[in-house]
Amino acid sequence: MNLFHDEYATERSRMVDEQIKARGILNPAVLSAMREVPRHLFVPPESIEEAYQDHPLPLEEPQATISQPYIVAYMTDALQLVGTERVLEIGTGSGYQAAVLSRLCREVYTIERYPSLCRLAEDRLKALGYNNVTVICGDGRLGLEQHAPFDAILVTAMADQVPEPLKRQLAIGGRLVMPVGNPNAQDLIRLKRTGEDKFQRETLISVVFVPLMPLPTPSESSPDSE
């Protein structure tokens, strides 16, 4: 059910049909989530009119972006969710990806390095009724040991390899989706944990993401981030 009958509902439907379904993503649950979640409420006010266009948009902190709608849908689909999972997202950003995930699983934990983005995302998600999402400010490279294991992990920033803590926190049978490579050339990979120390890796598509970073230094933080 679409909970947001607003002036952007037609644009959302067009986004799904022309940018996502037309590119081969046919999972009905993913398409329904993308039609439901009001992307325009997860972007800065100056970007609202571009919210449903086919490109990423900047957020309130340096290098932080909300991904292109197709990439959000593709990465969500790649997790192969069935509705019962506990999911960890690394890189909350605006909270949009977490909102989409929340429609497709039991619960979402999402980690963001910028305190200001944490607060904005948490406020948005609560105001819109996404009550199965927990936003945590921290170092995403370390994962969230206290809530592991996770049935699925989604990383929305790139690194040259999958951080070991994230691999350890993935449940056996769980899937991790993440961009891996260097700043100039990255592949979206899916890592499936098949045993205690066994992982099956699959390369999906070429992508471009910003690097996975540690917590910001005081000079990086916004004035209101303290």
Protein backbone atom coordinates (compact mmCIF):
# COMPACT_ATOMS: atom_id res chain seq x y z
CA MET A 1 0.00 0.00 0.00
CA ASN A 2 1.29 3.45 -0.86
CA LEU A 3 1.14 5.50 2.34
CA PHE A 4 2.10 8.76 0.68
CA HIS A 5 -0.62 10.05 -1.65
CA ASP A 6 1.01 13.35 -2.55
CA GLU A 7 1.74 15.52 -5.54
CA TYR A 8 4.86 13.47 -6.28
CA ALA A 9 3.12 10.07 -6.50
CA THR A 10 2.99 10.25 -10.30
CA GLU A 11 6.68 11.13 -10.48
CA ARG A 12 7.51 8.19 -8.21
CA SER A 13 5.55 5.83 -10.43
CA ARG A 14 7.27 7.18 -13.53
CA MET A 15 10.66 6.83 -11.83
CA VAL A 16 9.97 3.17 -11.13
CA ASP A 17 8.64 2.39 -14.61
CA GLU A 18 11.25 4.29 -16.64
CA GLN A 19 14.41 4.14 -14.51
CA ILE A 20 14.10 0.84 -12.63
CA LYS A 21 11.65 -1.60 -14.21
CA ALA A 22 12.83 -0.71 -17.72
CA ARG A 23 16.40 -1.60 -16.69
CA GLY A 24 15.41 -5.11 -15.66
CA ILE A 25 14.57 -4.94 -11.95
CA LEU A 26 11.30 -6.85 -11.76
CA ASN A 27 11.07 -7.93 -8.10
CA PRO A 28 7.53 -6.83 -7.14
CA ALA A 29 8.48 -6.11 -3.52
CA VAL A 30 11.38 -3.87 -4.52
CA LEU A 31 9.27 -2.01 -7.08
CA SER A 32 6.51 -1.52 -4.51
CA ALA A 33 8.96 -0.13 -1.94
CA MET A 34 10.41 2.29 -4.47
CA ARG A 35 6.90 3.46 -5.37
CA GLU A 36 5.96 3.91 -1.73
CA VAL A 37 8.93 5.69 -0.11
CA PRO A 38 8.71 9.49 -0.69
CA ARG A 39 12.20 10.23 -1.98
CA HIS A 40 11.50 13.99 -2.09
CA LEU A 41 11.24 14.01 1.71
CA PHE A 42 14.78 12.62 2.05
CA VAL A 43 16.63 15.33 0.13
CA PRO A 44 17.57 18.93 1.04
CA PRO A 45 14.83 21.48 0.22
CA GLU A 46 16.78 22.88 -2.73
CA SER A 47 16.85 19.42 -4.37
CA ILE A 48 13.18 18.46 -4.00
CA GLU A 49 12.33 19.18 -7.63
CA GLU A 50 15.13 16.83 -8.72
CA ALA A 51 14.27 14.07 -6.27
CA TYR A 52 12.89 11.65 -8.87
CA GLN A 53 15.43 12.32 -11.60
CA ASP A 54 17.91 9.71 -12.80
CA HIS A 55 21.01 10.81 -10.87
CA PRO A 56 22.40 11.09 -7.32
CA LEU A 57 21.92 14.26 -5.27
CA PRO A 58 24.15 16.00 -2.71
CA LEU A 59 23.28 15.99 0.98
CA GLU A 60 24.11 18.33 3.83
CA GLU A 61 27.69 17.11 4.42
CA PRO A 62 30.74 17.02 2.09
CA GLN A 63 30.83 13.96 -0.21
CA ALA A 64 27.53 12.69 1.21
CA THR A 65 24.93 11.88 -1.46
CA ILE A 66 21.62 10.13 -1.97
CA SER A 67 22.23 7.50 -4.63
CA GLN A 68 20.59 7.37 -8.04
CA PRO A 69 17.17 5.66 -7.72
CA TYR A 70 18.20 2.78 -9.98
CA ILE A 71 21.26 2.04 -7.83
CA VAL A 72 19.15 2.08 -4.64
CA ALA A 73 16.76 -0.41 -6.23
CA TYR A 74 19.55 -2.56 -7.68
CA MET A 75 21.44 -2.85 -4.39
CA THR A 76 18.22 -3.57 -2.51
CA ASP A 77 17.27 -6.29 -5.00
CA ALA A 78 20.76 -7.80 -4.79
CA LEU A 79 20.30 -8.51 -1.07
CA GLN A 80 17.60 -11.07 -1.97
CA LEU A 81 15.40 -10.18 1.00
CA VAL A 82 12.31 -12.21 1.84
CA GLY A 83 10.93 -10.14 4.73
CA THR A 84 12.25 -11.81 7.87
CA GLU A 85 15.80 -10.45 7.93
CA ARG A 86 17.79 -8.25 10.26
CA VAL A 87 19.70 -5.90 7.96
CA LEU A 88 22.72 -3.69 8.62
CA GLU A 89 23.29 -0.65 6.40
CA ILE A 90 26.62 1.19 6.40
CA GLY A 91 26.20 4.82 5.35
CA THR A 92 22.79 6.16 6.36
CA GLY A 93 23.06 9.43 4.47
CA SER A 94 19.56 10.88 4.25
CA GLY A 95 17.88 7.68 5.48
CA TYR A 96 16.28 6.95 2.10
CA GLN A 97 17.97 3.60 1.50
CA ALA A 98 17.11 2.52 5.04
CA ALA A 99 13.47 3.45 4.46
CA VAL A 100 13.37 1.33 1.31
CA LEU A 101 15.01 -1.60 3.11
CA SER A 102 12.54 -1.28 5.98
CA ARG A 103 9.66 -2.17 3.67
CA LEU A 104 11.38 -5.46 2.77
CA CYS A 105 12.75 -6.89 6.02
CA ARG A 106 12.04 -7.26 9.74
CA GLU A 107 14.43 -4.61 11.07
CA VAL A 108 17.19 -2.30 9.86
CA TYR A 109 20.21 -0.97 11.74
CA THR A 110 21.94 1.83 9.89
CA ILE A 111 25.26 3.52 10.76
CA GLU A 112 26.31 7.04 9.75
CA ARG A 113 29.64 8.76 10.42
CA TYR A 114 28.32 12.35 10.44
CA PRO A 115 26.34 13.27 13.61
CA SER A 116 24.37 15.92 11.72
CA LEU A 117 23.19 13.40 9.11
CA CYS A 118 22.37 10.92 11.89
CA ARG A 119 20.01 13.41 13.49
CA LEU A 120 18.38 14.43 10.22
CA ALA A 121 17.86 10.83 9.11
CA GLU A 122 16.50 9.75 12.48
CA ASP A 123 14.05 12.65 12.54
CA ARG A 124 12.85 11.94 9.00
CA LEU A 125 12.42 8.22 9.57
CA LYS A 126 10.52 8.69 12.83
CA ALA A 127 8.28 11.41 11.39
CA LEU A 128 7.38 9.19 8.44
CA GLY A 129 6.65 6.14 10.58
CA TYR A 130 9.60 3.88 9.69
CA ASN A 131 9.62 2.39 13.16
CA ASN A 132 11.71 -0.69 12.37
CA VAL A 133 14.83 1.39 11.58
CA THR A 134 17.49 2.21 14.21
CA VAL A 135 19.98 4.96 13.31
CA ILE A 136 23.40 4.85 14.98
CA CYS A 137 26.25 7.34 14.69
CA GLY A 138 29.54 5.47 14.46
CA ASP A 139 32.32 3.99 12.34
CA GLY A 140 30.65 1.78 9.76
CA ARG A 141 33.86 -0.10 9.05
CA LEU A 142 33.45 -1.76 12.45
CA GLY A 143 29.87 -2.84 11.90
CA LEU A 144 27.62 -3.35 14.90
CA GLU A 145 28.85 -6.35 16.88
CA GLN A 146 26.24 -6.03 19.63
CA HIS A 147 23.40 -6.71 17.19
CA ALA A 148 25.12 -9.30 14.98
CA PRO A 149 24.68 -11.61 13.21
CA PHE A 150 22.96 -9.89 10.30
CA ASP A 151 21.10 -11.71 7.55
CA ALA A 152 22.09 -8.99 5.08
CA ILE A 153 24.57 -6.10 5.05
CA LEU A 154 24.48 -3.22 2.58
CA VAL A 155 27.48 -0.88 2.31
CA THR A 156 26.92 2.40 0.45
CA ALA A 157 30.58 3.43 0.23
CA MET A 158 33.58 1.81 -1.45
CA ALA A 159 36.75 0.20 -0.12
CA ASP A 160 39.52 -1.89 -1.62
CA GLN A 161 38.21 -4.90 0.27
CA VAL A 162 35.33 -5.90 2.51
CA PRO A 163 36.14 -4.97 6.13
CA GLU A 164 36.75 -8.08 8.23
CA PRO A 165 34.33 -7.02 11.01
CA LEU A 166 31.49 -6.94 8.48
CA LYS A 167 32.35 -10.40 7.20
CA ARG A 168 32.37 -11.76 10.77
CA GLN A 169 29.01 -10.15 11.52
CA LEU A 170 27.29 -11.73 8.51
CA ALA A 171 25.12 -14.72 9.37
CA ILE A 172 25.83 -18.01 7.65
CA GLY A 173 23.70 -17.90 4.52
CA GLY A 174 23.63 -14.09 4.69
CA ARG A 175 24.47 -11.71 1.85
CA LEU A 176 26.65 -8.60 1.83
CA VAL A 177 26.47 -6.11 -1.06
CA MET A 178 29.20 -3.48 -1.37
CA PRO A 179 31.23 -1.52 -3.96
CA VAL A 180 34.85 -2.75 -3.98
CA GLY A 181 37.79 -1.31 -5.90
CA ASN A 182 39.50 2.06 -6.01
CA PRO A 183 38.19 5.62 -6.44
CA ASN A 184 38.42 5.28 -10.24
CA ALA A 185 37.09 1.75 -10.83
CA GLN A 186 34.68 -0.18 -8.61
CA ASP A 187 32.57 -3.31 -8.89
CA LEU A 188 29.45 -3.92 -6.88
CA ILE A 189 29.99 -7.32 -5.31
CA ARG A 190 27.75 -9.75 -3.46
CA LEU A 191 29.41 -11.84 -0.78
CA LYS A 192 27.51 -14.83 0.57
CA ARG A 193 28.68 -16.50 3.75
CA THR A 194 28.49 -20.24 3.13
CA GLY A 195 30.31 -21.45 6.25
CA GLU A 196 32.25 -20.33 9.30
CA ASP A 197 35.21 -19.22 7.20
CA LYS A 198 33.77 -19.66 3.72
CA PHE A 199 32.48 -16.91 1.45
CA GLN A 200 31.19 -16.98 -2.11
CA ARG A 201 31.88 -13.79 -4.07
CA GLU A 202 29.97 -12.59 -7.11
CA THR A 203 30.66 -9.49 -9.22
CA LEU A 204 27.49 -7.66 -10.24
CA ILE A 205 27.91 -4.28 -12.02
CA SER A 206 30.35 -1.40 -12.26
CA VAL A 207 29.56 1.53 -9.94
CA VAL A 208 31.02 4.75 -8.54
CA PHE A 209 30.79 5.47 -4.80
CA VAL A 210 32.69 7.67 -2.36
CA PRO A 211 35.20 5.94 -0.04
CA LEU A 212 34.22 4.27 3.21
CA MET A 213 35.70 6.55 5.84
CA PRO A 214 36.31 6.56 9.62
CA LEU A 215 34.52 8.97 11.92
CA PRO A 216 35.05 12.63 10.94
CA THR A 217 37.60 14.74 12.75
CA PRO A 218 36.34 17.89 14.52
CA SER A 219 37.46 19.98 11.54
CA GLU A 220 35.31 17.85 9.21
CA SER A 221 32.18 18.07 11.33
CA SER A 222 29.53 20.71 10.83
CA PRO A 223 29.37 23.44 13.48
CA ASP A 224 26.24 21.89 14.95
CA SER A 225 27.66 18.38 14.99
CA GLU A 226 29.30 18.60 18.38
